[in-house]
N, C-alpha and C. Protein backbone atom coordinates (compact mmCIF):
# COMPACT_ATOMS: atom_id res chain seq x y z
N LEU A 1 75.01 -65.25 174.02
CA LEU A 1 74.45 -65.87 175.22
C LEU A 1 74.68 -64.91 176.37
N GLN A 2 73.64 -64.34 176.87
CA GLN A 2 73.78 -63.38 177.96
C GLN A 2 74.30 -64.09 179.20
N GLY A 3 75.18 -63.39 179.93
CA GLY A 3 75.71 -63.97 181.15
C GLY A 3 77.13 -64.48 181.00
N PHE A 4 77.58 -64.79 179.78
CA PHE A 4 78.97 -65.16 179.58
C PHE A 4 79.79 -63.89 179.60
N SER A 5 80.80 -63.84 180.44
CA SER A 5 81.67 -62.67 180.47
C SER A 5 82.97 -63.03 179.78
N LEU A 6 83.35 -62.21 178.84
CA LEU A 6 84.56 -62.47 178.08
C LEU A 6 85.72 -61.67 178.65
N SER A 7 86.83 -62.35 178.88
CA SER A 7 88.03 -61.63 179.32
C SER A 7 88.59 -60.89 178.11
N PRO A 8 89.42 -59.87 178.32
CA PRO A 8 89.99 -59.14 177.20
C PRO A 8 90.68 -60.05 176.19
N ALA A 9 91.28 -61.14 176.67
CA ALA A 9 91.95 -62.06 175.75
C ALA A 9 90.98 -62.76 174.81
N HIS A 10 89.69 -62.77 175.18
CA HIS A 10 88.70 -63.46 174.36
C HIS A 10 87.86 -62.51 173.53
N THR A 11 88.10 -61.22 173.61
CA THR A 11 87.29 -60.29 172.83
C THR A 11 87.97 -60.04 171.49
N ARG A 12 87.47 -60.75 170.50
CA ARG A 12 87.96 -60.62 169.13
C ARG A 12 86.77 -60.23 168.28
N VAL A 13 86.95 -60.27 166.98
CA VAL A 13 85.85 -59.94 166.08
C VAL A 13 84.68 -60.90 166.32
N ALA A 14 84.98 -62.20 166.41
CA ALA A 14 83.96 -63.19 166.72
C ALA A 14 84.38 -63.89 168.01
N PRO A 15 83.92 -63.41 169.18
CA PRO A 15 84.34 -64.00 170.46
C PRO A 15 84.03 -65.50 170.50
N MET A 16 84.98 -66.25 171.06
CA MET A 16 84.83 -67.70 171.17
C MET A 16 84.79 -68.08 172.64
N LEU A 17 84.00 -69.08 172.94
CA LEU A 17 83.87 -69.61 174.29
C LEU A 17 84.22 -71.09 174.25
N ARG A 18 84.96 -71.56 175.23
CA ARG A 18 85.31 -72.98 175.34
C ARG A 18 84.30 -73.60 176.29
N LEU A 19 83.42 -74.45 175.75
CA LEU A 19 82.27 -74.92 176.52
C LEU A 19 82.21 -76.44 176.63
N PHE A 20 81.59 -76.89 177.74
CA PHE A 20 81.28 -78.31 177.89
C PHE A 20 80.05 -78.45 178.79
N ALA A 21 79.32 -79.55 178.60
CA ALA A 21 78.19 -79.89 179.46
C ALA A 21 78.66 -80.97 180.43
N ALA A 22 78.25 -80.85 181.70
CA ALA A 22 78.74 -81.79 182.71
C ALA A 22 77.80 -81.91 183.89
N VAL A 23 78.00 -82.99 184.63
CA VAL A 23 77.33 -83.23 185.91
C VAL A 23 78.34 -82.91 186.99
N GLU A 24 77.96 -82.06 187.93
CA GLU A 24 78.84 -81.70 189.03
C GLU A 24 78.96 -82.86 190.02
N VAL A 25 80.16 -83.07 190.54
CA VAL A 25 80.36 -84.04 191.62
C VAL A 25 80.04 -83.31 192.92
N PRO A 26 79.07 -83.81 193.71
CA PRO A 26 78.70 -83.10 194.94
C PRO A 26 79.87 -82.98 195.92
N PRO A 27 79.86 -81.94 196.76
CA PRO A 27 80.99 -81.70 197.68
C PRO A 27 81.36 -82.89 198.55
N GLU A 28 80.37 -83.63 199.05
CA GLU A 28 80.70 -84.75 199.94
C GLU A 28 81.42 -85.88 199.19
N ILE A 29 81.13 -86.06 197.90
CA ILE A 29 81.83 -87.06 197.09
C ILE A 29 83.20 -86.52 196.69
N ALA A 30 83.25 -85.24 196.32
CA ALA A 30 84.52 -84.60 195.94
C ALA A 30 85.52 -84.66 197.10
N GLU A 31 85.01 -84.52 198.32
CA GLU A 31 85.89 -84.57 199.50
C GLU A 31 86.59 -85.93 199.59
N GLY A 32 85.84 -87.00 199.35
CA GLY A 32 86.43 -88.34 199.35
C GLY A 32 87.46 -88.51 198.25
N LEU A 33 87.20 -87.93 197.08
CA LEU A 33 88.17 -88.00 195.98
C LEU A 33 89.42 -87.20 196.31
N SER A 34 89.25 -86.07 196.96
CA SER A 34 90.40 -85.21 197.30
C SER A 34 91.41 -85.94 198.17
N ARG A 35 90.92 -86.84 199.02
CA ARG A 35 91.84 -87.59 199.89
C ARG A 35 92.73 -88.54 199.09
N ARG A 36 92.34 -88.84 197.87
CA ARG A 36 93.12 -89.74 197.01
C ARG A 36 94.11 -88.97 196.13
N GLN A 37 94.06 -87.66 196.18
CA GLN A 37 94.88 -86.84 195.29
C GLN A 37 96.25 -86.57 195.88
N GLN A 38 97.08 -87.62 195.87
CA GLN A 38 98.45 -87.53 196.36
C GLN A 38 99.22 -88.73 195.84
N GLY A 39 100.53 -88.65 195.94
CA GLY A 39 101.35 -89.81 195.59
C GLY A 39 101.83 -89.85 194.16
N LEU A 40 101.59 -88.79 193.38
CA LEU A 40 102.10 -88.73 192.00
C LEU A 40 102.88 -87.43 191.82
N PRO A 41 104.20 -87.49 191.89
CA PRO A 41 105.00 -86.28 191.74
C PRO A 41 104.70 -85.55 190.43
N GLY A 42 104.54 -84.23 190.53
CA GLY A 42 104.31 -83.42 189.34
C GLY A 42 102.87 -83.39 188.87
N ALA A 43 101.98 -84.13 189.52
CA ALA A 43 100.57 -84.14 189.11
C ALA A 43 99.94 -82.79 189.39
N ARG A 44 99.11 -82.32 188.48
CA ARG A 44 98.32 -81.10 188.72
C ARG A 44 96.93 -81.57 189.14
N TRP A 45 96.75 -81.71 190.44
CA TRP A 45 95.48 -82.21 190.99
C TRP A 45 94.39 -81.17 190.79
N ARG A 46 93.21 -81.62 190.41
CA ARG A 46 92.08 -80.72 190.19
C ARG A 46 91.43 -80.38 191.53
N PRO A 47 91.08 -79.11 191.77
CA PRO A 47 90.42 -78.75 193.02
C PRO A 47 89.03 -79.38 193.10
N ALA A 48 88.55 -79.58 194.32
CA ALA A 48 87.26 -80.25 194.53
C ALA A 48 86.14 -79.60 193.74
N GLU A 49 86.14 -78.25 193.67
CA GLU A 49 85.04 -77.57 192.96
C GLU A 49 85.09 -77.76 191.45
N ALA A 50 86.20 -78.28 190.93
CA ALA A 50 86.32 -78.50 189.48
C ALA A 50 85.99 -79.94 189.08
N LEU A 51 85.72 -80.81 190.04
CA LEU A 51 85.45 -82.22 189.72
C LEU A 51 84.06 -82.38 189.13
N HIS A 52 84.00 -83.08 188.00
CA HIS A 52 82.73 -83.24 187.29
C HIS A 52 82.81 -84.46 186.37
N VAL A 53 81.65 -84.90 185.91
CA VAL A 53 81.54 -85.94 184.88
C VAL A 53 81.11 -85.21 183.61
N THR A 54 82.01 -85.14 182.63
CA THR A 54 81.69 -84.47 181.37
C THR A 54 80.63 -85.27 180.61
N LEU A 55 79.63 -84.57 180.11
CA LEU A 55 78.63 -85.18 179.24
C LEU A 55 79.03 -85.00 177.77
N ARG A 56 79.49 -83.78 177.45
CA ARG A 56 79.95 -83.50 176.08
C ARG A 56 80.85 -82.27 176.10
N PHE A 57 82.07 -82.40 175.57
CA PHE A 57 82.96 -81.26 175.42
C PHE A 57 82.70 -80.66 174.04
N TYR A 58 82.29 -79.40 173.99
CA TYR A 58 81.95 -78.76 172.72
C TYR A 58 83.12 -78.01 172.10
N GLY A 59 84.10 -77.64 172.92
CA GLY A 59 85.25 -76.91 172.39
C GLY A 59 84.95 -75.44 172.19
N GLU A 60 85.71 -74.82 171.29
CA GLU A 60 85.58 -73.39 171.01
C GLU A 60 84.31 -73.13 170.21
N VAL A 61 83.45 -72.29 170.76
CA VAL A 61 82.14 -72.01 170.16
C VAL A 61 81.92 -70.50 170.11
N ARG A 62 81.42 -70.01 168.99
CA ARG A 62 81.09 -68.58 168.89
C ARG A 62 79.92 -68.25 169.82
N GLU A 63 79.86 -66.99 170.27
CA GLU A 63 78.82 -66.59 171.23
C GLU A 63 77.41 -66.87 170.73
N GLU A 64 77.15 -66.59 169.45
CA GLU A 64 75.79 -66.81 168.94
C GLU A 64 75.44 -68.29 168.90
N VAL A 65 76.43 -69.15 168.65
CA VAL A 65 76.18 -70.60 168.68
C VAL A 65 75.97 -71.05 170.13
N ALA A 66 76.71 -70.43 171.06
CA ALA A 66 76.53 -70.75 172.48
C ALA A 66 75.10 -70.45 172.92
N ALA A 67 74.54 -69.35 172.42
CA ALA A 67 73.16 -68.99 172.77
C ALA A 67 72.19 -70.04 172.24
N GLU A 68 72.43 -70.53 171.01
CA GLU A 68 71.57 -71.57 170.44
C GLU A 68 71.74 -72.89 171.21
N LEU A 69 72.97 -73.17 171.60
CA LEU A 69 73.24 -74.39 172.37
C LEU A 69 72.51 -74.35 173.70
N ASP A 70 72.52 -73.20 174.35
CA ASP A 70 71.81 -73.03 175.61
C ASP A 70 70.33 -73.40 175.45
N LEU A 71 69.71 -72.90 174.39
CA LEU A 71 68.29 -73.20 174.14
C LEU A 71 68.08 -74.69 173.89
N ALA A 72 68.99 -75.30 173.12
CA ALA A 72 68.86 -76.73 172.81
C ALA A 72 69.03 -77.59 174.06
N LEU A 73 69.98 -77.23 174.92
CA LEU A 73 70.19 -77.99 176.14
C LEU A 73 69.02 -77.84 177.11
N ALA A 74 68.40 -76.66 177.12
CA ALA A 74 67.26 -76.41 178.01
C ALA A 74 66.06 -77.28 177.65
N GLU A 75 66.02 -77.79 176.42
CA GLU A 75 64.90 -78.64 175.98
C GLU A 75 65.07 -80.11 176.37
N ILE A 76 66.25 -80.48 176.87
CA ILE A 76 66.52 -81.89 177.20
C ILE A 76 65.66 -82.32 178.39
N ARG A 77 65.02 -83.47 178.23
CA ARG A 77 64.22 -84.05 179.30
C ARG A 77 64.82 -85.40 179.68
N SER A 78 64.97 -85.62 180.96
CA SER A 78 65.47 -86.89 181.48
C SER A 78 65.10 -86.96 182.95
N GLU A 79 64.76 -88.15 183.41
CA GLU A 79 64.45 -88.28 184.83
C GLU A 79 65.75 -88.21 185.64
N PRO A 80 65.68 -87.71 186.88
CA PRO A 80 66.86 -87.73 187.74
C PRO A 80 67.32 -89.18 187.96
N PHE A 81 68.59 -89.35 188.28
CA PHE A 81 69.13 -90.70 188.46
C PHE A 81 70.30 -90.65 189.43
N ASP A 82 70.74 -91.83 189.87
CA ASP A 82 71.87 -91.94 190.78
C ASP A 82 73.12 -92.36 190.01
N LEU A 83 74.27 -91.86 190.47
CA LEU A 83 75.56 -92.26 189.92
C LEU A 83 76.45 -92.77 191.04
N VAL A 84 77.35 -93.68 190.68
CA VAL A 84 78.36 -94.19 191.61
C VAL A 84 79.70 -94.12 190.90
N LEU A 85 80.70 -93.57 191.58
CA LEU A 85 82.06 -93.56 191.05
C LEU A 85 82.74 -94.84 191.49
N THR A 86 83.47 -95.46 190.57
CA THR A 86 84.10 -96.73 190.89
C THR A 86 85.37 -96.93 190.07
N GLY A 87 86.43 -97.39 190.74
CA GLY A 87 87.68 -97.69 190.06
C GLY A 87 88.48 -96.45 189.71
N ALA A 88 89.68 -96.69 189.18
CA ALA A 88 90.58 -95.61 188.78
C ALA A 88 91.32 -96.05 187.54
N GLY A 89 91.80 -95.09 186.78
CA GLY A 89 92.54 -95.41 185.56
C GLY A 89 93.27 -94.19 185.05
N CYS A 90 93.77 -94.30 183.82
CA CYS A 90 94.51 -93.19 183.24
C CYS A 90 94.22 -93.10 181.74
N PHE A 91 94.52 -91.96 181.18
CA PHE A 91 94.47 -91.77 179.73
C PHE A 91 95.89 -91.72 179.22
N GLY A 92 96.15 -92.45 178.16
CA GLY A 92 97.48 -92.54 177.60
C GLY A 92 98.21 -93.74 178.17
N GLU A 93 99.40 -93.99 177.64
CA GLU A 93 100.21 -95.08 178.17
C GLU A 93 101.68 -94.75 178.10
N GLY A 94 102.46 -95.43 178.91
CA GLY A 94 103.90 -95.19 178.94
C GLY A 94 104.22 -93.74 179.27
N ASP A 95 105.12 -93.16 178.48
CA ASP A 95 105.51 -91.77 178.71
C ASP A 95 104.43 -90.78 178.29
N ASP A 96 103.38 -91.26 177.63
CA ASP A 96 102.31 -90.38 177.15
C ASP A 96 101.08 -90.36 178.05
N ILE A 97 101.19 -90.87 179.28
CA ILE A 97 100.06 -90.79 180.21
C ILE A 97 99.83 -89.32 180.53
N ARG A 98 98.59 -88.86 180.33
CA ARG A 98 98.32 -87.42 180.51
C ARG A 98 97.32 -87.11 181.62
N ALA A 99 96.61 -88.11 182.16
CA ALA A 99 95.64 -87.84 183.22
C ALA A 99 95.32 -89.11 183.97
N VAL A 100 94.96 -88.95 185.25
CA VAL A 100 94.39 -90.06 186.03
C VAL A 100 92.96 -89.68 186.40
N TRP A 101 92.12 -90.70 186.51
CA TRP A 101 90.70 -90.44 186.72
C TRP A 101 90.06 -91.48 187.63
N ALA A 102 88.87 -91.10 188.13
CA ALA A 102 87.98 -92.03 188.82
C ALA A 102 86.92 -92.44 187.81
N GLY A 103 86.59 -93.72 187.80
CA GLY A 103 85.60 -94.22 186.84
C GLY A 103 84.17 -93.99 187.32
N VAL A 104 83.23 -94.26 186.43
CA VAL A 104 81.80 -94.12 186.72
C VAL A 104 81.14 -95.45 186.42
N GLU A 105 80.36 -95.95 187.39
CA GLU A 105 79.63 -97.20 187.18
C GLU A 105 78.68 -97.04 186.00
N PRO A 106 78.54 -98.06 185.15
CA PRO A 106 77.66 -97.93 183.99
C PRO A 106 76.25 -97.46 184.39
N SER A 107 75.72 -96.53 183.60
CA SER A 107 74.39 -95.97 183.86
C SER A 107 73.72 -95.66 182.53
N ALA A 108 72.64 -96.36 182.24
CA ALA A 108 71.91 -96.13 180.99
C ALA A 108 71.39 -94.70 180.92
N LEU A 109 70.94 -94.15 182.06
CA LEU A 109 70.40 -92.79 182.05
C LEU A 109 71.49 -91.75 181.82
N LEU A 110 72.70 -92.00 182.36
CA LEU A 110 73.82 -91.09 182.08
C LEU A 110 74.19 -91.15 180.60
N GLU A 111 74.25 -92.34 180.05
CA GLU A 111 74.57 -92.51 178.62
C GLU A 111 73.54 -91.77 177.76
N ARG A 112 72.28 -91.90 178.12
CA ARG A 112 71.20 -91.25 177.36
C ARG A 112 71.32 -89.72 177.46
N LEU A 113 71.63 -89.22 178.66
CA LEU A 113 71.78 -87.78 178.84
C LEU A 113 72.96 -87.26 178.01
N ALA A 114 74.07 -88.00 178.02
CA ALA A 114 75.24 -87.61 177.22
C ALA A 114 74.88 -87.60 175.73
N ALA A 115 74.12 -88.60 175.28
CA ALA A 115 73.71 -88.66 173.87
C ALA A 115 72.83 -87.47 173.51
N ARG A 116 71.97 -87.06 174.43
CA ARG A 116 71.10 -85.90 174.16
C ARG A 116 71.92 -84.61 174.12
N CYS A 117 72.96 -84.51 174.93
CA CYS A 117 73.85 -83.34 174.87
C CYS A 117 74.61 -83.33 173.54
N GLU A 118 75.00 -84.51 173.07
CA GLU A 118 75.66 -84.63 171.76
C GLU A 118 74.71 -84.16 170.66
N THR A 119 73.46 -84.63 170.70
CA THR A 119 72.46 -84.25 169.70
C THR A 119 72.21 -82.75 169.73
N ALA A 120 72.14 -82.16 170.92
CA ALA A 120 71.92 -80.71 171.03
C ALA A 120 73.05 -79.95 170.34
N GLY A 121 74.27 -80.41 170.52
CA GLY A 121 75.41 -79.77 169.86
C GLY A 121 75.33 -79.87 168.36
N ARG A 122 75.01 -81.05 167.87
CA ARG A 122 74.90 -81.24 166.41
C ARG A 122 73.79 -80.37 165.82
N ARG A 123 72.69 -80.23 166.57
CA ARG A 123 71.56 -79.42 166.08
C ARG A 123 71.95 -77.97 165.83
N VAL A 124 72.93 -77.47 166.58
CA VAL A 124 73.33 -76.06 166.43
C VAL A 124 74.61 -75.93 165.60
N GLY A 125 75.03 -77.03 164.96
CA GLY A 125 76.14 -76.96 164.03
C GLY A 125 77.51 -77.29 164.60
N ILE A 126 77.57 -77.83 165.83
CA ILE A 126 78.85 -78.23 166.40
C ILE A 126 79.18 -79.63 165.88
N LYS A 127 80.40 -79.78 165.40
CA LYS A 127 80.82 -81.07 164.84
C LYS A 127 80.65 -82.18 165.86
N GLY A 128 80.16 -83.32 165.40
CA GLY A 128 79.91 -84.45 166.28
C GLY A 128 81.17 -85.07 166.83
N GLU A 129 81.04 -85.72 167.98
CA GLU A 129 82.15 -86.42 168.62
C GLU A 129 82.30 -87.79 167.99
N SER A 130 83.52 -88.16 167.59
CA SER A 130 83.73 -89.45 166.93
C SER A 130 84.13 -90.55 167.91
N ARG A 131 84.66 -90.16 169.07
CA ARG A 131 85.08 -91.17 170.05
C ARG A 131 83.90 -91.64 170.88
N PRO A 132 83.93 -92.92 171.33
CA PRO A 132 82.85 -93.39 172.20
C PRO A 132 82.88 -92.65 173.54
N TYR A 133 81.72 -92.52 174.14
CA TYR A 133 81.59 -91.81 175.42
C TYR A 133 82.17 -92.66 176.54
N ARG A 134 83.12 -92.09 177.31
CA ARG A 134 83.73 -92.79 178.45
C ARG A 134 83.62 -91.91 179.68
N PRO A 135 82.54 -92.05 180.45
CA PRO A 135 82.36 -91.18 181.61
C PRO A 135 83.44 -91.42 182.67
N HIS A 136 83.92 -90.31 183.25
CA HIS A 136 84.98 -90.37 184.26
C HIS A 136 85.04 -89.02 184.96
N VAL A 137 85.80 -88.98 186.04
CA VAL A 137 86.09 -87.73 186.74
C VAL A 137 87.61 -87.56 186.71
N THR A 138 88.09 -86.56 185.99
CA THR A 138 89.54 -86.31 185.93
C THR A 138 90.00 -85.80 187.29
N LEU A 139 90.98 -86.50 187.87
CA LEU A 139 91.51 -86.12 189.18
C LEU A 139 92.79 -85.31 189.05
N ALA A 140 93.59 -85.59 188.02
CA ALA A 140 94.85 -84.85 187.84
C ALA A 140 95.30 -84.93 186.39
N TYR A 141 95.99 -83.89 185.96
CA TYR A 141 96.68 -83.89 184.68
C TYR A 141 98.16 -84.14 184.97
N LEU A 142 98.78 -84.91 184.10
CA LEU A 142 100.17 -85.31 184.32
C LEU A 142 101.05 -84.84 183.16
N ARG A 143 102.28 -84.52 183.50
CA ARG A 143 103.26 -84.16 182.49
C ARG A 143 104.52 -84.98 182.75
N ARG A 144 104.90 -85.80 181.78
CA ARG A 144 106.07 -86.67 181.87
C ARG A 144 106.08 -87.49 183.18
N PRO A 145 105.02 -88.24 183.43
CA PRO A 145 104.98 -89.03 184.67
C PRO A 145 105.85 -90.28 184.56
N GLU A 146 106.14 -90.86 185.70
CA GLU A 146 106.82 -92.15 185.73
C GLU A 146 105.74 -93.22 185.63
N PRO A 147 105.72 -94.00 184.53
CA PRO A 147 104.65 -95.00 184.34
C PRO A 147 104.47 -95.95 185.51
N ASP A 148 105.59 -96.35 186.15
CA ASP A 148 105.48 -97.27 187.29
C ASP A 148 104.75 -96.63 188.46
N ARG A 149 104.99 -95.32 188.68
CA ARG A 149 104.31 -94.61 189.76
C ARG A 149 102.82 -94.50 189.46
N VAL A 150 102.48 -94.24 188.19
CA VAL A 150 101.07 -94.13 187.81
C VAL A 150 100.38 -95.48 188.00
N ALA A 151 101.04 -96.56 187.56
CA ALA A 151 100.48 -97.91 187.73
C ALA A 151 100.25 -98.23 189.20
N ALA A 152 101.20 -97.84 190.05
CA ALA A 152 101.05 -98.09 191.49
C ALA A 152 99.91 -97.26 192.06
N TRP A 153 99.77 -96.00 191.61
CA TRP A 153 98.67 -95.16 192.10
C TRP A 153 97.32 -95.78 191.71
N ILE A 154 97.22 -96.23 190.46
CA ILE A 154 95.96 -96.85 190.01
C ILE A 154 95.66 -98.11 190.83
N ALA A 155 96.67 -98.93 191.06
CA ALA A 155 96.48 -100.16 191.85
C ALA A 155 96.01 -99.82 193.27
N ASN A 156 96.55 -98.74 193.83
CA ASN A 156 96.17 -98.35 195.20
C ASN A 156 94.75 -97.79 195.28
N HIS A 157 94.23 -97.30 194.16
CA HIS A 157 92.91 -96.64 194.18
C HIS A 157 91.87 -97.36 193.33
N ASN A 158 92.22 -98.53 192.84
CA ASN A 158 91.31 -99.23 191.93
C ASN A 158 90.05 -99.74 192.63
N LEU A 159 90.06 -99.83 193.96
CA LEU A 159 88.87 -100.28 194.68
C LEU A 159 87.97 -99.10 195.06
N LEU A 160 88.29 -97.92 194.56
CA LEU A 160 87.45 -96.74 194.82
C LEU A 160 85.99 -97.08 194.51
N HIS A 161 85.12 -96.73 195.44
CA HIS A 161 83.68 -96.96 195.25
C HIS A 161 82.94 -95.93 196.10
N SER A 162 82.36 -94.94 195.43
CA SER A 162 81.68 -93.87 196.17
C SER A 162 80.27 -94.30 196.56
N PRO A 163 79.69 -93.64 197.55
CA PRO A 163 78.26 -93.81 197.79
C PRO A 163 77.51 -93.28 196.56
N PRO A 164 76.30 -93.76 196.31
CA PRO A 164 75.53 -93.21 195.20
C PRO A 164 75.20 -91.74 195.46
N PHE A 165 75.19 -90.95 194.41
CA PHE A 165 74.75 -89.56 194.54
C PHE A 165 73.73 -89.26 193.46
N ARG A 166 72.78 -88.40 193.82
CA ARG A 166 71.65 -88.07 192.94
C ARG A 166 72.05 -87.03 191.92
N VAL A 167 71.73 -87.28 190.67
CA VAL A 167 71.92 -86.30 189.59
C VAL A 167 70.55 -85.71 189.28
N GLY A 168 70.34 -84.48 189.71
CA GLY A 168 69.06 -83.82 189.48
C GLY A 168 69.13 -82.75 188.42
N GLY A 169 70.30 -82.64 187.77
CA GLY A 169 70.47 -81.65 186.73
C GLY A 169 71.89 -81.70 186.19
N PHE A 170 72.14 -80.86 185.20
CA PHE A 170 73.48 -80.75 184.64
C PHE A 170 73.71 -79.29 184.27
N GLY A 171 74.93 -78.97 183.89
CA GLY A 171 75.25 -77.58 183.61
C GLY A 171 76.04 -77.41 182.32
N LEU A 172 76.02 -76.18 181.83
CA LEU A 172 76.88 -75.77 180.72
C LEU A 172 77.98 -74.92 181.33
N TYR A 173 79.22 -75.34 181.15
CA TYR A 173 80.37 -74.70 181.77
C TYR A 173 81.26 -74.06 180.72
N SER A 174 81.91 -72.96 181.11
CA SER A 174 82.97 -72.40 180.29
C SER A 174 84.29 -72.80 180.92
N SER A 175 85.30 -72.96 180.09
CA SER A 175 86.62 -73.35 180.55
C SER A 175 87.60 -72.26 180.14
N TRP A 176 88.35 -71.77 181.12
CA TRP A 176 89.31 -70.69 180.89
C TRP A 176 90.70 -71.22 181.19
N LEU A 177 91.58 -71.18 180.21
CA LEU A 177 92.93 -71.71 180.37
C LEU A 177 93.85 -70.68 181.01
N SER A 178 94.69 -71.15 181.93
CA SER A 178 95.69 -70.29 182.55
C SER A 178 96.92 -71.12 182.84
N LYS A 179 97.96 -70.49 183.36
CA LYS A 179 99.19 -71.21 183.68
C LYS A 179 98.96 -72.27 184.76
N GLU A 180 97.98 -72.02 185.64
CA GLU A 180 97.68 -72.97 186.72
C GLU A 180 96.79 -74.12 186.25
N GLY A 181 96.31 -74.06 185.03
CA GLY A 181 95.40 -75.08 184.50
C GLY A 181 94.06 -74.47 184.15
N SER A 182 93.10 -75.31 183.86
CA SER A 182 91.77 -74.82 183.47
C SER A 182 90.96 -74.40 184.69
N ARG A 183 90.23 -73.31 184.53
CA ARG A 183 89.29 -72.85 185.54
C ARG A 183 87.91 -72.94 184.90
N TYR A 184 86.94 -73.50 185.62
CA TYR A 184 85.60 -73.71 185.07
C TYR A 184 84.60 -72.78 185.73
N GLU A 185 83.67 -72.29 184.92
CA GLU A 185 82.58 -71.46 185.44
C GLU A 185 81.26 -72.03 184.95
N LEU A 186 80.33 -72.23 185.89
CA LEU A 186 78.99 -72.68 185.53
C LEU A 186 78.27 -71.50 184.88
N GLU A 187 77.85 -71.68 183.64
CA GLU A 187 77.17 -70.62 182.91
C GLU A 187 75.66 -70.79 182.92
N ARG A 188 75.20 -72.03 182.81
CA ARG A 188 73.78 -72.33 182.83
C ARG A 188 73.56 -73.63 183.57
N ASP A 189 72.41 -73.73 184.24
CA ASP A 189 72.05 -74.91 185.00
C ASP A 189 70.74 -75.44 184.43
N TYR A 190 70.66 -76.76 184.17
CA TYR A 190 69.46 -77.35 183.59
C TYR A 190 68.94 -78.45 184.51
N PRO A 191 67.82 -78.21 185.21
CA PRO A 191 67.28 -79.27 186.06
C PRO A 191 66.72 -80.41 185.21
N LEU A 192 66.80 -81.63 185.74
CA LEU A 192 66.24 -82.78 185.05
C LEU A 192 64.82 -83.01 185.49
N SER A 193 63.97 -83.25 184.51
CA SER A 193 62.58 -83.64 184.79
C SER A 193 62.08 -84.43 183.59
N ALA A 194 61.38 -85.52 183.88
CA ALA A 194 60.97 -86.44 182.82
C ALA A 194 60.03 -85.84 181.88
């Protein structure tokens, strides 16, 4: 896939890319979410530019498969639609809570777009996702959090309700792991049109 730049750590015999398809959270919505990113000691809060709604996480993919995936995603057709972020929650429970997130109001068009991204992955040989799709925006990753503090944070932010924002496209992102956490790069942009 032309345009993907591999760091020296990723140049092996068969270079691998860590990829996912997602909808970007617009800056004005991300700004509102950023104001909520406090009150959890040890949380690794995600920067505003990294906030997104994942459509499908593909994982480690060889470059040639990434090129095929790009072509498959470019064929997806869907009308633009509006999304609203609502509520807050976490993944995991007790001492195993690993992330806090903002929820996404149910959207048939978002579900359909995610299903088409799943199908595109399967068409190019990427193993299918077995878990049900749960759209969300990850706000922070947690390590050994205090469950009571997490519960209090969720209670304080459970009335979160963003203004609607227009989804006119989605992107294919690469994820690069570092000591500071994941860094995302938009590799391809796919406009929506019916």
